[in-house]
Amino acid sequence: MLAETAGAIPLSSQRALLNLVASSDIYVLLLGPRYGETGDSGFSPTEDEFNEAKRRNRRIIVLRQVGEMEETQMAFLRRASGRWEEGLFYATFTDERDVALKVVRALTNLRLLDDLDEALPAAQARASELARGDPRGGGFYGGGAAEQARVAIVPIGGQRILDELMLNDQTLGERLADGARASGLVPHALGLSIEMTGQGVALLAGDSRNPQISIKIGTDASVTVAGPVTGADRNSGSMHVDPERLEELLTRAAAFALTALDVLDRHQDVQQLAVTGAILNANGRVFGRPTNSGSMTFGNSHSLPPTIVAPDPPLVVRRVDLSEDSWSSRVVAAIRRIFADASAATG
C-alpha cells in the first residue's frame, strides 16, 4: 500500500493506510529483503498493516521476494506465513516482472477456496463415478476385461480445461503419451494407441480392444487410470490384490496427472483434486500377498461387491502434494480395510 492512495485526508500516512486495510477484502503482503524502521508499536509500518489485517480477519496473501533477508525480516516472514489455518497464502516472486502474475494466481486460489463448499461434493462424486466405471462397458469410460484396479483424480472446480482447440492439436496426444511413459505407467515395450474424441483423450497400452493399461483424460482434466494390481504367482496370485502393485499404480497415476496438468492447465487454475481408487471384480479376491504356505483365506470375500471404491468420499489432495506418498498410502489402507472387514486380507 502507498499513503498516496488514501487521498487528501486529515490523517497520518500510517493511520490512512490502516484504514485502507480495514476497508479491504484481501490484504497482499509483499516482503522484500529489509524489515524497515520500527515505530511506536515496536513493529515496522508493514507489520502494523499486517497485524491490522489479522485483527480485522481479512484474507491474507504473503508473497516473498526471492533472495537473502535481514534476520528481522525473516522473523516477520515466519510470523506471517506460519498460520495457514487463518487463511494465509504464501508464494515467492522474483521482481516486478512476475509479482503481478503471482498475485493473480493467489487470488485465483482464494476464489477456488471460496467455491470449494459447492464444488467439492461434485468433484468427489465424479471421482467415485470414474473409479467405479461404466458397468455397461463400451463408450469413452467403458472398461476392458483386463482391468483390475482404477485410480481417479479429478480437479475441484468442474470447469472445462481441455477445449476444442486443444483437442484439435495433433501434438497433444503425443505429449500426453510421452508423459504416460515418463511416469512409468506404460512400459516402452508396450504399444500405445491414442484416441481423441469430444470427451477427451484415451491412451490405451497393449491391445486397444482389451488394453493392459488404459488412461482417460477428460475435458475437465480429470485422469482415470486402470491397470493390473494382482500378484504374479500363476496358482493363486491372480486372486490376490498386491498392495505394493496397487500403491505403484496410484503413485504413477499421480505422476502422470501432474504431467497432464502441466500440459493442459497452463495458468495453474487447478490447485486441489479429489482422489480415490477402486478394485474391480473384488468379489472372491483377497487383499495381500499369498502366504509362504501357499494357503489362501478367502473369509467372506464372496460377500464383497463386484467393485470396491475407497476412500468414499474421495480424498482432497493439493496439487503440490500429489507427488507425495502419504495420500496413496491412505487409499491403500482404505481399500484394505474393506477387505479386512470381510476377513479377506492377509498380513
Protein backbone atom coordinates (compact mmCIF):
# COMPACT_ATOMS: atom_id res chain seq x y z
CA MET A 1 0.00 0.00 0.00
CA LEU A 2 1.04 3.58 -0.57
CA ALA A 3 -0.12 6.52 1.52
CA GLU A 4 -0.82 8.44 -1.70
CA THR A 5 -3.69 6.07 -2.49
CA ALA A 6 -5.57 7.33 0.55
CA GLY A 7 -6.05 10.78 -0.99
CA ALA A 8 -6.06 14.10 0.86
CA ILE A 9 -7.48 13.24 4.29
CA PRO A 10 -6.65 14.74 7.71
CA LEU A 11 -4.86 11.63 8.99
CA SER A 12 -1.26 10.50 9.31
CA SER A 13 0.06 8.35 6.48
CA GLN A 14 0.16 5.29 8.72
CA ARG A 15 -3.38 5.80 10.03
CA ALA A 16 -4.62 6.29 6.48
CA LEU A 17 -3.04 3.01 5.42
CA LEU A 18 -4.51 1.15 8.38
CA ASN A 19 -7.92 2.49 7.43
CA LEU A 20 -7.39 1.17 3.90
CA VAL A 21 -6.53 -2.24 5.34
CA ALA A 22 -9.72 -2.14 7.40
CA SER A 23 -11.82 -1.36 4.32
CA SER A 24 -10.20 -4.06 2.15
CA ASP A 25 -11.36 -7.62 1.50
CA ILE A 26 -7.90 -9.11 0.85
CA TYR A 27 -4.51 -7.92 2.07
CA VAL A 28 -1.47 -8.70 -0.11
CA LEU A 29 1.80 -8.61 1.84
CA LEU A 30 4.90 -8.19 -0.33
CA LEU A 31 8.10 -8.91 1.58
CA GLY A 32 11.47 -7.77 0.26
CA PRO A 33 14.89 -8.12 1.91
CA ARG A 34 14.54 -5.37 4.55
CA TYR A 35 12.24 -5.15 7.57
CA GLY A 36 12.16 -1.37 7.90
CA GLU A 37 12.24 1.01 10.86
CA THR A 38 10.15 0.18 13.91
CA GLY A 39 7.63 2.70 15.19
CA ASP A 40 5.90 3.32 18.49
CA SER A 41 4.16 -0.05 18.23
CA GLY A 42 7.51 -1.86 18.16
CA PHE A 43 6.79 -3.09 14.62
CA SER A 44 7.58 -1.79 11.17
CA PRO A 45 4.77 0.04 9.33
CA THR A 46 4.31 -3.01 7.10
CA GLU A 47 3.89 -5.33 10.07
CA ASP A 48 1.45 -2.86 11.63
CA GLU A 49 -0.64 -3.19 8.47
CA PHE A 50 -0.33 -6.97 8.59
CA ASN A 51 -1.44 -7.03 12.23
CA GLU A 52 -4.40 -4.81 11.35
CA ALA A 53 -5.41 -7.23 8.59
CA LYS A 54 -5.21 -10.13 11.06
CA ARG A 55 -7.21 -8.21 13.65
CA ARG A 56 -9.87 -7.47 11.06
CA ASN A 57 -9.86 -11.13 9.96
CA ARG A 58 -9.02 -10.24 6.36
CA ARG A 59 -7.84 -12.84 3.86
CA ILE A 60 -4.06 -12.51 3.60
CA ILE A 61 -1.69 -13.38 0.76
CA VAL A 62 2.02 -13.43 1.59
CA LEU A 63 4.48 -13.06 -1.28
CA ARG A 64 8.19 -13.22 -0.51
CA GLN A 65 10.85 -11.88 -2.86
CA VAL A 66 13.49 -14.49 -3.66
CA GLY A 67 16.87 -13.69 -2.11
CA GLU A 68 18.55 -13.02 1.22
CA MET A 69 16.56 -11.38 4.01
CA GLU A 70 17.53 -9.47 7.11
CA GLU A 71 17.11 -11.55 10.24
CA THR A 72 14.28 -9.30 11.46
CA GLN A 73 12.52 -9.62 8.10
CA MET A 74 12.92 -13.40 8.15
CA ALA A 75 11.37 -13.46 11.63
CA PHE A 76 8.44 -11.41 10.30
CA LEU A 77 8.05 -13.86 7.40
CA ARG A 78 7.79 -16.75 9.86
CA ARG A 79 5.12 -14.88 11.82
CA ALA A 80 3.24 -14.01 8.65
CA SER A 81 3.31 -17.34 6.81
CA GLY A 82 3.12 -19.83 9.65
CA ARG A 83 -0.63 -19.70 10.25
CA TRP A 84 -2.29 -21.40 7.29
CA GLU A 85 -5.39 -22.11 9.34
CA GLU A 86 -6.15 -18.37 9.34
CA GLY A 87 -6.43 -18.18 5.58
CA LEU A 88 -2.87 -17.16 4.70
CA PHE A 89 -1.41 -17.92 1.29
CA TYR A 90 2.32 -17.94 0.69
CA ALA A 91 4.38 -17.84 -2.52
CA THR A 92 7.56 -16.31 -3.87
CA PHE A 93 8.29 -13.77 -6.61
CA THR A 94 11.46 -12.58 -8.33
CA ASP A 95 10.80 -8.93 -9.13
CA GLU A 96 8.23 -6.58 -10.64
CA ARG A 97 8.13 -8.72 -13.79
CA ASP A 98 6.40 -11.69 -12.14
CA VAL A 99 4.82 -10.33 -8.97
CA ALA A 100 1.54 -9.41 -10.71
CA LEU A 101 1.16 -12.97 -12.05
CA LYS A 102 1.82 -14.41 -8.59
CA VAL A 103 -0.84 -12.13 -7.09
CA VAL A 104 -3.34 -13.22 -9.74
CA ARG A 105 -2.60 -16.89 -9.03
CA ALA A 106 -3.05 -16.38 -5.30
CA LEU A 107 -6.34 -14.56 -5.87
CA THR A 108 -7.44 -17.46 -8.07
CA ASN A 109 -6.62 -19.84 -5.23
CA LEU A 110 -8.74 -17.79 -2.87
CA ARG A 111 -11.59 -17.82 -5.34
CA LEU A 112 -11.32 -21.59 -5.65
CA LEU A 113 -11.38 -21.94 -1.87
CA ASP A 114 -14.47 -19.74 -1.70
CA ASP A 115 -16.12 -22.05 -4.24
CA LEU A 116 -14.89 -25.22 -2.52
CA ASP A 117 -18.02 -25.92 -0.48
CA GLU A 118 -20.07 -26.03 -3.66
CA ALA A 119 -17.52 -27.62 -6.00
CA LEU A 120 -16.06 -30.28 -3.68
CA PRO A 121 -19.07 -32.64 -3.46
CA ALA A 122 -19.43 -32.62 -7.25
CA ALA A 123 -15.73 -33.39 -7.76
CA GLN A 124 -15.82 -36.18 -5.19
CA ALA A 125 -18.94 -37.68 -6.77
CA ARG A 126 -17.27 -37.59 -10.19
CA ALA A 127 -14.10 -39.21 -8.83
CA SER A 128 -16.13 -42.04 -7.30
CA GLU A 129 -18.07 -42.46 -10.54
CA LEU A 130 -14.92 -42.57 -12.67
CA ALA A 131 -13.24 -45.05 -10.33
CA ARG A 132 -16.31 -47.30 -10.40
CA GLY A 133 -16.51 -47.11 -14.20
CA ASP A 134 -19.37 -47.70 -16.56
CA PRO A 135 -20.86 -51.12 -15.68
CA ARG A 136 -22.31 -51.40 -19.18
CA GLY A 137 -18.85 -51.26 -20.75
CA GLY A 138 -18.13 -49.57 -24.04
CA GLY A 139 -18.06 -45.83 -24.56
CA PHE A 140 -15.25 -43.49 -23.56
CA TYR A 141 -15.23 -44.62 -19.92
CA GLY A 142 -16.07 -48.26 -20.54
CA GLY A 143 -13.60 -50.74 -19.08
CA GLY A 144 -11.88 -53.80 -20.53
CA ALA A 145 -11.76 -57.32 -19.16
CA ALA A 146 -8.07 -56.96 -18.24
CA GLU A 147 -8.67 -54.04 -15.88
CA GLN A 148 -8.13 -54.90 -12.21
CA ALA A 149 -7.96 -51.52 -10.48
CA ARG A 150 -8.70 -47.88 -11.27
CA VAL A 151 -7.42 -44.58 -9.96
CA ALA A 152 -9.49 -41.42 -10.42
CA ILE A 153 -8.01 -37.94 -10.00
CA VAL A 154 -10.49 -35.09 -10.52
CA PRO A 155 -9.78 -31.34 -10.32
CA ILE A 156 -12.04 -29.48 -7.92
CA GLY A 157 -13.85 -26.72 -9.74
CA GLY A 158 -15.57 -28.53 -12.59
CA GLN A 159 -14.59 -26.06 -15.31
CA ARG A 160 -13.72 -27.25 -18.79
CA ILE A 161 -9.96 -27.17 -19.30
CA LEU A 162 -9.46 -29.40 -22.34
CA ASP A 163 -11.31 -27.40 -25.00
CA GLU A 164 -11.90 -27.86 -28.72
CA LEU A 165 -8.73 -26.01 -29.70
CA MET A 166 -6.63 -28.35 -27.59
CA LEU A 167 -8.45 -31.40 -28.93
CA ASN A 168 -7.64 -30.25 -32.47
CA ASP A 169 -3.94 -30.01 -31.61
CA GLN A 170 -2.37 -33.02 -33.29
CA THR A 171 0.60 -32.93 -30.90
CA LEU A 172 -1.49 -33.12 -27.72
CA GLY A 173 -1.93 -36.89 -27.78
CA GLU A 174 1.77 -37.45 -28.34
CA ARG A 175 2.73 -35.15 -25.47
CA LEU A 176 0.36 -36.97 -23.13
CA ALA A 177 1.65 -40.32 -24.38
CA ASP A 178 5.21 -39.20 -23.63
CA GLY A 179 4.04 -38.30 -20.12
CA ALA A 180 2.47 -41.74 -19.69
CA ARG A 181 5.78 -43.42 -20.49
CA ALA A 182 7.85 -40.95 -18.44
CA SER A 183 5.66 -41.56 -15.38
CA GLY A 184 6.30 -45.31 -15.58
CA LEU A 185 2.65 -46.11 -16.24
CA VAL A 186 3.30 -47.51 -19.70
CA PRO A 187 6.47 -49.57 -20.34
CA HIS A 188 8.31 -48.83 -23.57
CA ALA A 189 7.82 -52.47 -24.57
CA LEU A 190 4.05 -51.94 -24.83
CA GLY A 191 2.46 -50.32 -27.83
CA LEU A 192 0.36 -47.24 -27.08
CA SER A 193 -2.62 -46.10 -29.11
CA ILE A 194 -4.13 -42.62 -28.87
CA GLU A 195 -7.82 -41.84 -29.28
CA MET A 196 -9.11 -38.25 -29.22
CA THR A 197 -12.85 -37.52 -29.03
CA GLY A 198 -15.09 -34.75 -27.79
CA GLN A 199 -14.96 -36.40 -24.35
CA GLY A 200 -11.19 -36.19 -24.06
CA VAL A 201 -8.09 -38.26 -24.78
CA ALA A 202 -7.70 -42.01 -24.27
CA LEU A 203 -4.30 -43.71 -24.13
CA LEU A 204 -4.51 -47.50 -24.45
CA ALA A 205 -1.45 -49.69 -23.85
CA GLY A 206 -1.30 -53.14 -25.43
CA ASP A 207 -4.29 -54.48 -27.32
CA SER A 208 -6.60 -51.48 -27.78
CA ARG A 209 -9.64 -53.80 -27.62
CA ASN A 210 -8.59 -55.13 -24.21
CA PRO A 211 -5.73 -52.89 -23.02
CA GLN A 212 -3.43 -53.86 -20.17
CA ILE A 213 -3.36 -50.21 -19.08
CA SER A 214 -5.83 -47.50 -20.01
CA ILE A 215 -5.57 -43.79 -19.31
CA LYS A 216 -8.51 -41.44 -19.86
CA ILE A 217 -8.14 -37.65 -19.68
CA GLY A 218 -11.49 -35.86 -19.51
CA THR A 219 -12.27 -32.34 -20.66
CA ASP A 220 -12.14 -31.21 -17.01
CA ALA A 221 -8.53 -32.52 -16.89
CA SER A 222 -9.66 -35.49 -14.81
CA VAL A 223 -7.41 -38.53 -15.09
CA THR A 224 -8.64 -42.11 -14.81
CA VAL A 225 -6.04 -44.87 -14.91
CA ALA A 226 -6.80 -48.60 -15.00
CA GLY A 227 -4.17 -51.29 -14.68
CA PRO A 228 -3.11 -54.61 -13.12
CA VAL A 229 -2.61 -54.99 -9.37
CA THR A 230 -2.83 -58.73 -8.72
CA GLY A 231 0.11 -60.96 -7.82
CA ALA A 232 2.36 -62.68 -10.32
CA ASP A 233 2.01 -66.21 -8.89
CA ARG A 234 0.33 -68.41 -11.51
CA ASN A 235 -1.51 -70.55 -8.98
CA SER A 236 -3.02 -68.07 -6.54
CA GLY A 237 -1.50 -64.68 -7.29
CA SER A 238 -4.31 -63.66 -9.65
CA MET A 239 -6.74 -63.88 -6.72
CA HIS A 240 -4.64 -61.56 -4.55
CA VAL A 241 -4.60 -57.78 -4.70
CA ASP A 242 -0.93 -56.95 -4.24
CA PRO A 243 -0.70 -53.81 -2.04
CA GLU A 244 2.68 -52.84 -3.50
CA ARG A 245 1.40 -53.02 -7.07
CA LEU A 246 -1.68 -51.05 -6.04
CA GLU A 247 0.40 -48.27 -4.48
CA GLU A 248 2.67 -48.27 -7.52
CA LEU A 249 -0.34 -47.77 -9.77
CA LEU A 250 -1.56 -44.91 -7.56
CA THR A 251 1.76 -43.06 -7.47
CA ARG A 252 2.42 -43.48 -11.19
CA ALA A 253 -1.09 -42.29 -11.99
CA ALA A 254 -0.43 -39.22 -9.85
CA ALA A 255 2.87 -38.56 -11.63
CA PHE A 256 1.07 -38.74 -14.96
CA ALA A 257 -1.76 -36.49 -13.70
CA LEU A 258 0.80 -33.83 -12.75
CA THR A 259 2.33 -34.05 -16.22
CA ALA A 260 -1.12 -33.79 -17.82
CA LEU A 261 -1.93 -30.73 -15.71
CA ASP A 262 1.33 -29.10 -16.76
CA VAL A 263 0.26 -29.61 -20.38
CA LEU A 264 -3.42 -28.69 -20.05
CA ASP A 265 -3.63 -26.25 -17.14
CA ARG A 266 -1.10 -23.66 -18.23
CA HIS A 267 -2.44 -20.99 -15.85
CA GLN A 268 -2.43 -23.39 -12.88
CA ASP A 269 -6.11 -22.84 -12.14
CA VAL A 270 -6.29 -26.35 -10.66
CA GLN A 271 -4.95 -26.35 -7.11
CA GLN A 272 -6.89 -29.16 -5.41
CA LEU A 273 -8.09 -32.57 -6.56
CA ALA A 274 -10.41 -35.34 -5.42
CA VAL A 275 -8.63 -38.71 -5.47
CA THR A 276 -9.84 -42.26 -4.94
CA GLY A 277 -9.18 -45.84 -6.04
CA ALA A 278 -11.19 -48.91 -6.98
CA ILE A 279 -10.67 -52.67 -7.11
CA LEU A 280 -12.64 -54.34 -9.90
CA ASN A 281 -14.04 -57.85 -9.64
CA ALA A 282 -13.34 -57.68 -5.90
CA ASN A 283 -15.82 -60.42 -5.14
CA GLY A 284 -13.76 -63.54 -4.37
CA ARG A 285 -10.41 -61.76 -4.16
CA VAL A 286 -8.06 -61.42 -1.17
CA PHE A 287 -6.07 -58.32 -0.27
CA GLY A 288 -2.39 -59.03 0.36
CA ARG A 289 0.28 -61.34 -0.93
CA PRO A 290 -0.06 -65.15 -0.76
CA THR A 291 1.40 -66.70 2.38
CA ASN A 292 4.57 -68.80 2.23
CA SER A 293 2.50 -71.92 2.80
CA GLY A 294 0.53 -71.18 -0.33
CA SER A 295 -2.76 -71.41 1.59
CA MET A 296 -5.48 -68.92 0.79
CA THR A 297 -8.00 -67.47 3.23
CA PHE A 298 -10.97 -66.01 1.41
CA GLY A 299 -13.06 -65.35 4.53
CA ASN A 300 -16.26 -63.63 3.43
CA SER A 301 -14.73 -62.18 0.27
CA HIS A 302 -17.63 -63.53 -1.78
CA SER A 303 -19.85 -61.11 0.13
CA LEU A 304 -17.89 -58.16 -1.27
CA PRO A 305 -19.47 -56.09 -4.05
CA PRO A 306 -18.10 -56.52 -7.58
CA THR A 307 -16.34 -53.15 -7.37
CA ILE A 308 -14.84 -51.55 -4.25
CA VAL A 309 -14.31 -47.78 -4.26
CA ALA A 310 -12.30 -46.31 -1.41
CA PRO A 311 -11.98 -43.92 0.19
CA ASP A 312 -15.54 -42.80 -0.44
CA PRO A 313 -15.92 -39.85 -0.31
CA PRO A 314 -12.58 -39.42 -2.06
CA LEU A 315 -9.60 -37.67 -0.51
CA VAL A 316 -8.90 -34.00 -1.19
CA VAL A 317 -5.25 -33.53 -2.19
CA ARG A 318 -3.48 -30.30 -3.03
CA ARG A 319 -1.79 -30.25 -6.42
CA VAL A 320 1.57 -29.58 -4.77
CA ASP A 321 1.09 -32.66 -2.57
CA LEU A 322 0.13 -35.08 -5.34
CA SER A 323 3.74 -36.19 -5.70
CA GLU A 324 3.88 -37.18 -2.01
CA ASP A 325 3.12 -40.78 -0.97
CA SER A 326 1.01 -40.02 2.13
CA TRP A 327 -2.27 -39.84 0.19
CA SER A 328 -1.60 -43.05 -1.77
CA SER A 329 -0.91 -44.91 1.48
CA ARG A 330 -4.29 -43.71 2.77
CA VAL A 331 -6.04 -45.00 -0.35
CA VAL A 332 -4.36 -48.41 0.01
CA ALA A 333 -5.30 -48.51 3.71
CA ALA A 334 -8.93 -47.63 2.96
CA ILE A 335 -9.19 -50.41 0.36
CA ARG A 336 -7.50 -52.91 2.67
CA ARG A 337 -9.96 -52.06 5.46
CA ILE A 338 -12.91 -53.13 3.30
CA PHE A 339 -11.26 -56.48 2.56
CA ALA A 340 -10.24 -56.91 6.22
CA ASP A 341 -13.81 -56.31 7.39
CA ALA A 342 -14.78 -59.24 5.16
CA SER A 343 -11.94 -61.35 6.66
CA ALA A 344 -10.31 -61.31 3.23
CA ALA A 345 -6.97 -59.63 3.96
CA THR A 346 -3.62 -61.24 4.68
CA GLY A 347 -0.65 -59.80 6.56
